[in-house]
PDB file of N, CA and C in Angstrom:
ATOM      1  N   MET A   1       0.849  -1.174   0.000  1.00  0.00           N
ATOM      2  CA  MET A   1       0.000   0.000   0.000  1.00  0.00           C
ATOM      3  C   MET A   1       0.891   1.232   0.000  1.00  0.00           C
ATOM      4  N   VAL A   2       0.678   2.096  -0.976  1.00  0.00           N
ATOM      5  CA  VAL A   2       1.442   3.334  -1.084  1.00  0.00           C
ATOM      6  C   VAL A   2       0.486   4.499  -0.852  1.00  0.00           C
ATOM      7  N   ILE A   3       0.874   5.393   0.036  1.00  0.00           N
ATOM      8  CA  ILE A   3       0.054   6.571   0.330  1.00  0.00           C
ATOM      9  C   ILE A   3       0.645   7.756  -0.420  1.00  0.00           C
ATOM     10  N   GLN A   4      -0.158   8.318  -1.314  1.00  0.00           N
ATOM     11  CA  GLN A   4       0.265   9.457  -2.110  1.00  0.00           C
ATOM     12  C   GLN A   4       0.239  10.728  -1.254  1.00  0.00           C
ATOM     13  N   PRO A   5       1.016  11.755  -1.644  1.00  0.00           N
ATOM     14  CA  PRO A   5       1.042  12.997  -0.862  1.00  0.00           C
ATOM     15  C   PRO A   5      -0.338  13.609  -0.620  1.00  0.00           C
ATOM     16  N   GLU A   6      -1.210  13.566  -1.629  1.00  0.00           N
ATOM     17  CA  GLU A   6      -2.537  14.147  -1.437  1.00  0.00           C
ATOM     18  C   GLU A   6      -3.366  13.321  -0.455  1.00  0.00           C
ATOM     19  N   GLN A   7      -3.134  12.002  -0.422  1.00  0.00           N
ATOM     20  CA  GLN A   7      -3.819  11.153   0.552  1.00  0.00           C
ATOM     21  C   GLN A   7      -3.314  11.454   1.962  1.00  0.00           C
ATOM     22  N   GLU A   8      -2.020  11.707   2.079  1.00  0.00           N
ATOM     23  CA  GLU A   8      -1.448  12.042   3.387  1.00  0.00           C
ATOM     24  C   GLU A   8      -2.075  13.328   3.922  1.00  0.00           C
ATOM     25  N   THR A   9      -2.327  14.295   3.043  1.00  0.00           N
ATOM     26  CA  THR A   9      -2.973  15.544   3.452  1.00  0.00           C
ATOM     27  C   THR A   9      -4.371  15.254   3.984  1.00  0.00           C
ATOM     28  N   VAL A  10      -5.126  14.411   3.293  1.00  0.00           N
ATOM     29  CA  VAL A  10      -6.470  14.040   3.736  1.00  0.00           C
ATOM     30  C   VAL A  10      -6.404  13.339   5.093  1.00  0.00           C
ATOM     31  N   ILE A  11      -5.432  12.456   5.267  1.00  0.00           N
ATOM     32  CA  ILE A  11      -5.275  11.741   6.543  1.00  0.00           C
ATOM     33  C   ILE A  11      -4.986  12.720   7.665  1.00  0.00           C
ATOM     34  N   ARG A  12      -4.060  13.645   7.429  1.00  0.00           N
ATOM     35  CA  ARG A  12      -3.723  14.644   8.455  1.00  0.00           C
ATOM     36  C   ARG A  12      -4.961  15.431   8.885  1.00  0.00           C
ATOM     37  N   GLU A  13      -5.763  15.873   7.910  1.00  0.00           N
ATOM     38  CA  GLU A  13      -6.966  16.648   8.218  1.00  0.00           C
ATOM     39  C   GLU A  13      -7.983  15.806   8.987  1.00  0.00           C
ATOM     40  N   TYR A  14      -8.142  14.539   8.598  1.00  0.00           N
ATOM     41  CA  TYR A  14      -9.078  13.646   9.285  1.00  0.00           C
ATOM     42  C   TYR A  14      -8.658  13.461  10.736  1.00  0.00           C
ATOM     43  N   VAL A  15      -7.372  13.232  10.955  1.00  0.00           N
ATOM     44  CA  VAL A  15      -6.875  13.008  12.319  1.00  0.00           C
ATOM     45  C   VAL A  15      -7.060  14.258  13.172  1.00  0.00           C
ATOM     46  N   LYS A  16      -6.897  15.438  12.579  1.00  0.00           N
ATOM     47  CA  LYS A  16      -7.126  16.674  13.322  1.00  0.00           C
ATOM     48  C   LYS A  16      -8.575  16.785  13.778  1.00  0.00           C
ATOM     49  N   LYS A  17      -9.505  16.305  12.930  1.00  0.00           N
ATOM     50  CA  LYS A  17     -10.928  16.381  13.256  1.00  0.00           C
ATOM     51  C   LYS A  17     -11.370  15.248  14.177  1.00  0.00           C
ATOM     52  N   GLN A  18     -10.642  14.142  14.188  1.00  0.00           N
ATOM     53  CA  GLN A  18     -10.977  12.960  14.990  1.00  0.00           C
ATOM     54  C   GLN A  18      -9.781  12.617  15.883  1.00  0.00           C
ATOM     55  N   PRO A  19      -9.405  13.505  16.783  1.00  0.00           N
ATOM     56  CA  PRO A  19      -8.167  13.291  17.536  1.00  0.00           C
ATOM     57  C   PRO A  19      -8.243  12.069  18.455  1.00  0.00           C
ATOM     58  N   LEU A  20      -7.114  11.413  18.571  1.00  0.00           N
ATOM     59  CA  LEU A  20      -6.950  10.280  19.482  1.00  0.00           C
ATOM     60  C   LEU A  20      -5.866  10.627  20.479  1.00  0.00           C
ATOM     61  N   ALA A  21      -5.972  10.066  21.661  1.00  0.00           N
ATOM     62  CA  ALA A  21      -4.898  10.228  22.636  1.00  0.00           C
ATOM     63  C   ALA A  21      -3.710   9.390  22.179  1.00  0.00           C
ATOM     64  N   SER A  22      -2.532   9.922  22.360  1.00  0.00           N
ATOM     65  CA  SER A  22      -1.325   9.188  22.018  1.00  0.00           C
ATOM     66  C   SER A  22      -1.137   8.030  22.988  1.00  0.00           C
ATOM     67  N   VAL A  23      -0.737   6.880  22.458  1.00  0.00           N
ATOM     68  CA  VAL A  23      -0.487   5.709  23.298  1.00  0.00           C
ATOM     69  C   VAL A  23       0.985   5.359  23.259  1.00  0.00           C
ATOM     70  N   LYS A  24       1.424   4.628  24.254  1.00  0.00           N
ATOM     71  CA  LYS A  24       2.793   4.133  24.328  1.00  0.00           C
ATOM     72  C   LYS A  24       2.750   2.638  24.073  1.00  0.00           C
ATOM     73  N   LEU A  25       3.678   2.136  23.293  1.00  0.00           N
ATOM     74  CA  LEU A  25       3.812   0.703  23.064  1.00  0.00           C
ATOM     75  C   LEU A  25       5.217   0.294  23.492  1.00  0.00           C
ATOM     76  N   PRO A  26       5.413   0.074  24.795  1.00  0.00           N
ATOM     77  CA  PRO A  26       6.746  -0.272  25.294  1.00  0.00           C
ATOM     78  C   PRO A  26       7.302  -1.507  24.593  1.00  0.00           C
ATOM     79  N   GLY A  27       8.552  -1.417  24.201  1.00  0.00           N
ATOM     80  CA  GLY A  27       9.214  -2.547  23.579  1.00  0.00           C
ATOM     81  C   GLY A  27       8.895  -2.740  22.110  1.00  0.00           C
ATOM     82  N   VAL A  28       8.087  -1.842  21.520  1.00  0.00           N
ATOM     83  CA  VAL A  28       7.733  -1.960  20.113  1.00  0.00           C
ATOM     84  C   VAL A  28       8.433  -0.845  19.350  1.00  0.00           C
ATOM     85  N   GLU A  29       9.206  -1.224  18.331  1.00  0.00           N
ATOM     86  CA  GLU A  29       9.864  -0.232  17.497  1.00  0.00           C
ATOM     87  C   GLU A  29       8.870   0.212  16.424  1.00  0.00           C
ATOM     88  N   LEU A  30       8.533   1.475  16.412  1.00  0.00           N
ATOM     89  CA  LEU A  30       7.548   2.009  15.476  1.00  0.00           C
ATOM     90  C   LEU A  30       8.213   2.245  14.129  1.00  0.00           C
ATOM     91  N   LYS A  31       7.849   1.425  13.148  1.00  0.00           N
ATOM     92  CA  LYS A  31       8.394   1.557  11.803  1.00  0.00           C
ATOM     93  C   LYS A  31       7.424   0.915  10.826  1.00  0.00           C
ATOM     94  N   ILE A  32       7.648   1.132   9.547  1.00  0.00           N
ATOM     95  CA  ILE A  32       6.826   0.510   8.522  1.00  0.00           C
ATOM     96  C   ILE A  32       6.916  -1.009   8.703  1.00  0.00           C
ATOM     97  N   GLY A  33       5.770  -1.677   8.704  1.00  0.00           N
ATOM     98  CA  GLY A  33       5.725  -3.132   8.854  1.00  0.00           C
ATOM     99  C   GLY A  33       5.404  -3.609  10.257  1.00  0.00           C
ATOM    100  N   THR A  34       5.493  -2.720  11.263  1.00  0.00           N
ATOM    101  CA  THR A  34       5.133  -3.086  12.630  1.00  0.00           C
ATOM    102  C   THR A  34       3.646  -3.428  12.670  1.00  0.00           C
ATOM    103  N   ASN A  35       3.274  -4.509  13.352  1.00  0.00           N
ATOM    104  CA  ASN A  35       1.866  -4.888  13.444  1.00  0.00           C
ATOM    105  C   ASN A  35       1.206  -4.231  14.648  1.00  0.00           C
ATOM    106  N   VAL A  36       0.084  -3.564  14.397  1.00  0.00           N
ATOM    107  CA  VAL A  36      -0.734  -2.976  15.453  1.00  0.00           C
ATOM    108  C   VAL A  36      -2.185  -3.268  15.132  1.00  0.00           C
ATOM    109  N   LYS A  37      -3.072  -3.090  16.100  1.00  0.00           N
ATOM    110  CA  LYS A  37      -4.463  -3.514  15.926  1.00  0.00           C
ATOM    111  C   LYS A  37      -5.416  -2.402  15.514  1.00  0.00           C
ATOM    112  N   TYR A  38      -4.912  -1.325  14.944  1.00  0.00           N
ATOM    113  CA  TYR A  38      -5.738  -0.176  14.604  1.00  0.00           C
ATOM    114  C   TYR A  38      -5.693   0.093  13.103  1.00  0.00           C
ATOM    115  N   ARG A  39      -6.649   0.887  12.588  1.00  0.00           N
ATOM    116  CA  ARG A  39      -6.565   1.382  11.200  1.00  0.00           C
ATOM    117  C   ARG A  39      -5.656   2.605  11.160  1.00  0.00           C
ATOM    118  N   TYR A  40      -5.792   3.421  12.181  1.00  0.00           N
ATOM    119  CA  TYR A  40      -4.832   4.495  12.395  1.00  0.00           C
ATOM    120  C   TYR A  40      -4.826   4.765  13.877  1.00  0.00           C
ATOM    121  N   THR A  41      -3.726   5.280  14.345  1.00  0.00           N
ATOM    122  CA  THR A  41      -3.614   5.601  15.755  1.00  0.00           C
ATOM    123  C   THR A  41      -2.530   6.651  15.916  1.00  0.00           C
ATOM    124  N   VAL A  42      -2.390   7.126  17.122  1.00  0.00           N
ATOM    125  CA  VAL A  42      -1.315   8.060  17.441  1.00  0.00           C
ATOM    126  C   VAL A  42      -0.437   7.374  18.479  1.00  0.00           C
ATOM    127  N   ILE A  43       0.805   7.167  18.110  1.00  0.00           N
ATOM    128  CA  ILE A  43       1.766   6.505  18.990  1.00  0.00           C
ATOM    129  C   ILE A  43       2.940   7.448  19.178  1.00  0.00           C
ATOM    130  N   ASP A  44       3.256   7.740  20.430  1.00  0.00           N
ATOM    131  CA  ASP A  44       4.336   8.687  20.740  1.00  0.00           C
ATOM    132  C   ASP A  44       4.176   9.993  19.955  1.00  0.00           C
ATOM    133  N   ASN A  45       2.926  10.470  19.890  1.00  0.00           N
ATOM    134  CA  ASN A  45       2.581  11.729  19.231  1.00  0.00           C
ATOM    135  C   ASN A  45       2.839  11.728  17.720  1.00  0.00           C
ATOM    136  N   ARG A  46       2.903  10.544  17.118  1.00  0.00           N
ATOM    137  CA  ARG A  46       3.032  10.425  15.663  1.00  0.00           C
ATOM    138  C   ARG A  46       1.832   9.643  15.144  1.00  0.00           C
ATOM    139  N   THR A  47       1.214  10.140  14.066  1.00  0.00           N
ATOM    140  CA  THR A  47       0.080   9.454  13.472  1.00  0.00           C
ATOM    141  C   THR A  47       0.588   8.274  12.657  1.00  0.00           C
ATOM    142  N   VAL A  48      -0.045   7.124  12.872  1.00  0.00           N
ATOM    143  CA  VAL A  48       0.358   5.890  12.219  1.00  0.00           C
ATOM    144  C   VAL A  48      -0.819   5.362  11.410  1.00  0.00           C
ATOM    145  N   VAL A  49      -0.603   5.089  10.123  1.00  0.00           N
ATOM    146  CA  VAL A  49      -1.636   4.543   9.248  1.00  0.00           C
ATOM    147  C   VAL A  49      -1.364   3.054   9.083  1.00  0.00           C
ATOM    148  N   VAL A  50      -2.434   2.242   9.224  1.00  0.00           N
ATOM    149  CA  VAL A  50      -2.287   0.796   9.243  1.00  0.00           C
ATOM    150  C   VAL A  50      -3.135   0.170   8.138  1.00  0.00           C
ATOM    151  N   ASP A  51      -2.566  -0.813   7.434  1.00  0.00           N
ATOM    152  CA  ASP A  51      -3.323  -1.592   6.450  1.00  0.00           C
ATOM    153  C   ASP A  51      -4.265  -2.492   7.238  1.00  0.00           C
ATOM    154  N   PRO A  52      -5.595  -2.338   7.082  1.00  0.00           N
ATOM    155  CA  PRO A  52      -6.534  -3.103   7.903  1.00  0.00           C
ATOM    156  C   PRO A  52      -6.512  -4.604   7.631  1.00  0.00           C
ATOM    157  N   ASP A  53      -6.028  -5.017   6.460  1.00  0.00           N
ATOM    158  CA  ASP A  53      -5.973  -6.447   6.156  1.00  0.00           C
ATOM    159  C   ASP A  53      -4.798  -7.138   6.831  1.00  0.00           C
ATOM    160  N   THR A  54      -3.647  -6.475   6.843  1.00  0.00           N
ATOM    161  CA  THR A  54      -2.444  -7.098   7.399  1.00  0.00           C
ATOM    162  C   THR A  54      -2.103  -6.588   8.793  1.00  0.00           C
ATOM    163  N   ARG A  55      -2.736  -5.469   9.202  1.00  0.00           N
ATOM    164  CA  ARG A  55      -2.449  -4.804  10.484  1.00  0.00           C
ATOM    165  C   ARG A  55      -1.011  -4.301  10.558  1.00  0.00           C
ATOM    166  N   SER A  56      -0.387  -4.097   9.411  1.00  0.00           N
ATOM    167  CA  SER A  56       0.973  -3.588   9.361  1.00  0.00           C
ATOM    168  C   SER A  56       0.964  -2.082   9.162  1.00  0.00           C
ATOM    169  N   VAL A  57       1.898  -1.416   9.817  1.00  0.00           N
ATOM    170  CA  VAL A  57       2.069   0.027   9.647  1.00  0.00           C
ATOM    171  C   VAL A  57       2.512   0.271   8.210  1.00  0.00           C
ATOM    172  N   VAL A  58       1.810   1.160   7.508  1.00  0.00           N
ATOM    173  CA  VAL A  58       2.188   1.510   6.140  1.00  0.00           C
ATOM    174  C   VAL A  58       2.707   2.934   6.025  1.00  0.00           C
ATOM    175  N   LYS A  59       2.449   3.749   7.047  1.00  0.00           N
ATOM    176  CA  LYS A  59       2.912   5.136   6.991  1.00  0.00           C
ATOM    177  C   LYS A  59       2.977   5.699   8.408  1.00  0.00           C
ATOM    178  N   VAL A  60       4.083   6.380   8.712  1.00  0.00           N
ATOM    179  CA  VAL A  60       4.215   7.129   9.955  1.00  0.00           C
ATOM    180  C   VAL A  60       4.290   8.584   9.563  1.00  0.00           C
ATOM    181  N   ILE A  61       3.310   9.368  10.039  1.00  0.00           N
ATOM    182  CA  ILE A  61       3.249  10.791   9.718  1.00  0.00           C
ATOM    183  C   ILE A  61       3.773  11.565  10.922  1.00  0.00           C
ATOM    184  N   GLU A  62       4.887  12.237  10.711  1.00  0.00           N
ATOM    185  CA  GLU A  62       5.519  12.982  11.800  1.00  0.00           C
ATOM    186  C   GLU A  62       4.763  14.248  12.101  1.00  0.00           C
TER     187      GLU A  62
END
């Protein structure tokens, strides 16, 4: 899954309108391919986009 720049803009705006509390995942290195149980979440104050089929991180938005 590739997220285009214009899609990233839409994601940023959506997250601003639907804010989530940042969570900590001790012992988990946040990078592309990390498995998490969300479609998107905020981890260590960074928005993370997840492929819902594989539960793998596909984009970390700083």
